[in-house]
Amino acid sequence: QVQLVESGGGLVQAGGSLSLSCSASGLIFSRYAMGWFRQATGKERECVAAINRSGSGTYYPDSVKGRFTISRDNAKSTVYLQMNSLKPEDTGVYYCAGSESGFLNGYFTRTADYGSWGQGTQVTVSS
């Protein structure tokens, strides 16, 4: 059974940084494209970063580009999200997601593309 466990959320002041980790088990990690999503209260879940199976390709929406960095360590079955220059609008529950993919270089940005999800970790950015 695939299991994704996020860690590293918390409370931070605007302008600060947080680093999230997602540890995966029950899967061959290198076969999965991975993504980080966030969901603010009353809003839809949105992709804030995605990475392909090898780590050579990444995606960021304009709202976080230049501030967030996604990376992965296939040997450790872990995907990371480094968040810098945080803003109050970055507040939300952050979810790690995995999609088993036959495409080495592809990544996914829609929630419907992901079949495995973590339980989420809260990130709160105070102004």
Protein backbone atom coordinates (compact mmCIF):
# COMPACT_ATOMS: atom_id res chain seq x y z
CA GLN A 1 0.00 0.00 0.00
CA VAL A 2 1.36 3.38 -1.02
CA GLN A 3 1.92 5.73 1.87
CA LEU A 4 3.03 9.38 1.69
CA VAL A 5 3.86 11.20 4.90
CA GLU A 6 4.51 14.94 4.96
CA SER A 7 6.46 16.75 7.62
CA GLY A 8 7.88 20.21 8.23
CA GLY A 9 4.84 22.45 8.32
CA GLY A 10 4.34 25.13 10.94
CA LEU A 11 3.92 28.80 11.69
CA VAL A 12 6.28 31.34 10.17
CA GLN A 13 6.34 35.10 9.74
CA ALA A 14 6.02 36.67 6.32
CA GLY A 15 9.37 36.67 4.58
CA GLY A 16 10.49 33.54 6.37
CA SER A 17 11.24 30.05 5.08
CA LEU A 18 9.98 26.53 5.64
CA SER A 19 11.10 23.21 4.29
CA LEU A 20 8.63 20.38 3.76
CA SER A 21 9.48 16.73 3.27
CA CYS A 22 7.39 13.84 2.02
CA SER A 23 8.56 10.33 2.71
CA ALA A 24 7.12 7.59 0.51
CA SER A 25 6.75 3.88 1.17
CA GLY A 26 5.02 0.92 -0.45
CA LEU A 27 6.03 1.96 -3.95
CA ILE A 28 8.93 2.06 -6.35
CA PHE A 29 9.55 5.77 -5.87
CA SER A 30 11.52 6.31 -9.06
CA ARG A 31 8.46 5.28 -11.08
CA TYR A 32 6.39 8.13 -9.65
CA ALA A 33 6.12 11.74 -10.73
CA MET A 34 5.53 13.81 -7.61
CA GLY A 35 3.77 17.03 -6.75
CA TRP A 36 3.04 19.42 -3.92
CA PHE A 37 -0.42 20.93 -3.64
CA ARG A 38 -1.91 23.38 -1.21
CA GLN A 39 -5.45 24.07 -0.17
CA ALA A 40 -6.48 27.26 1.56
CA THR A 41 -9.72 27.43 3.51
CA GLY A 42 -12.64 27.69 1.11
CA LYS A 43 -10.47 27.30 -1.99
CA GLU A 44 -9.69 24.51 -4.38
CA ARG A 45 -6.56 22.45 -4.05
CA GLU A 46 -3.86 23.83 -6.35
CA CYS A 47 -0.51 22.60 -7.54
CA VAL A 48 2.42 24.64 -6.24
CA ALA A 49 5.20 22.43 -7.59
CA ALA A 50 5.68 19.25 -9.60
CA ILE A 51 8.68 17.15 -10.52
CA ASN A 52 9.27 14.32 -12.97
CA ARG A 53 10.56 10.88 -12.12
CA SER A 54 14.24 11.70 -12.53
CA GLY A 55 14.10 15.17 -11.04
CA SER A 56 15.27 16.77 -14.26
CA GLY A 57 12.01 18.60 -14.92
CA THR A 58 10.00 20.81 -12.60
CA TYR A 59 6.92 23.02 -12.72
CA TYR A 60 5.87 26.04 -10.67
CA PRO A 61 2.91 28.35 -11.09
CA ASP A 62 3.69 32.05 -11.32
CA SER A 63 2.46 32.59 -7.76
CA VAL A 64 5.43 30.70 -6.29
CA LYS A 65 8.02 30.79 -9.06
CA GLY A 66 11.37 31.99 -7.75
CA ARG A 67 10.34 31.35 -4.13
CA PHE A 68 9.61 27.60 -4.00
CA THR A 69 11.91 24.76 -5.02
CA ILE A 70 10.90 21.14 -5.39
CA SER A 71 13.49 18.38 -5.36
CA ARG A 72 13.62 14.66 -4.84
CA ASP A 73 16.01 11.98 -3.63
CA ASN A 74 15.05 8.68 -5.24
CA ALA A 75 17.48 6.76 -3.04
CA LYS A 76 15.61 8.01 0.03
CA SER A 77 12.13 7.86 -1.54
CA THR A 78 11.62 11.46 -0.47
CA VAL A 79 10.43 14.62 -2.16
CA TYR A 80 11.10 18.07 -0.72
CA LEU A 81 9.63 21.54 -1.00
CA GLN A 82 11.78 24.48 0.02
CA MET A 83 9.68 27.60 0.51
CA ASN A 84 11.34 30.99 0.81
CA SER A 85 10.03 34.55 1.04
CA LEU A 86 6.75 33.23 2.33
CA LYS A 87 3.63 35.37 2.09
CA PRO A 88 0.38 35.23 4.05
CA GLU A 89 -1.35 33.99 0.91
CA ASP A 90 0.86 30.88 1.03
CA THR A 91 -1.10 29.76 4.08
CA GLY A 92 -2.89 26.45 3.71
CA VAL A 93 -2.66 22.70 4.07
CA TYR A 94 0.14 21.34 1.92
CA TYR A 95 -0.24 17.89 0.40
CA CYS A 96 2.29 15.61 -1.21
CA ALA A 97 1.00 13.59 -4.16
CA GLY A 98 2.35 10.81 -6.35
CA SER A 99 1.46 9.58 -9.82
CA GLU A 100 2.84 6.37 -11.24
CA SER A 101 4.01 7.33 -14.69
CA GLY A 102 5.39 5.59 -17.72
CA PHE A 103 6.88 8.89 -18.85
CA LEU A 104 10.35 9.51 -17.49
CA ASN A 105 10.31 13.22 -18.28
CA GLY A 106 6.70 14.11 -17.59
CA TYR A 107 5.14 15.81 -14.61
CA PHE A 108 1.54 16.56 -13.69
CA THR A 109 -0.24 19.59 -12.34
CA ARG A 110 -3.86 18.51 -11.94
CA THR A 111 -5.24 16.81 -8.84
CA ALA A 112 -6.96 14.28 -11.08
CA ASP A 113 -3.59 13.07 -12.35
CA TYR A 114 -2.50 11.88 -8.92
CA GLY A 115 -3.64 8.65 -7.33
CA SER A 116 -1.71 8.79 -4.08
CA TRP A 117 -1.92 11.53 -1.46
CA GLY A 118 -0.47 12.31 1.92
CA GLN A 119 -2.49 13.47 4.89
CA GLY A 120 -1.32 17.07 4.60
CA THR A 121 0.64 19.45 6.78
CA GLN A 122 -0.46 22.92 7.84
CA VAL A 123 1.57 25.95 6.82
CA THR A 124 0.58 29.28 8.35
CA VAL A 125 2.28 32.51 7.35
CA SER A 126 1.56 35.47 9.61
CA SER A 127 1.76 39.05 8.42
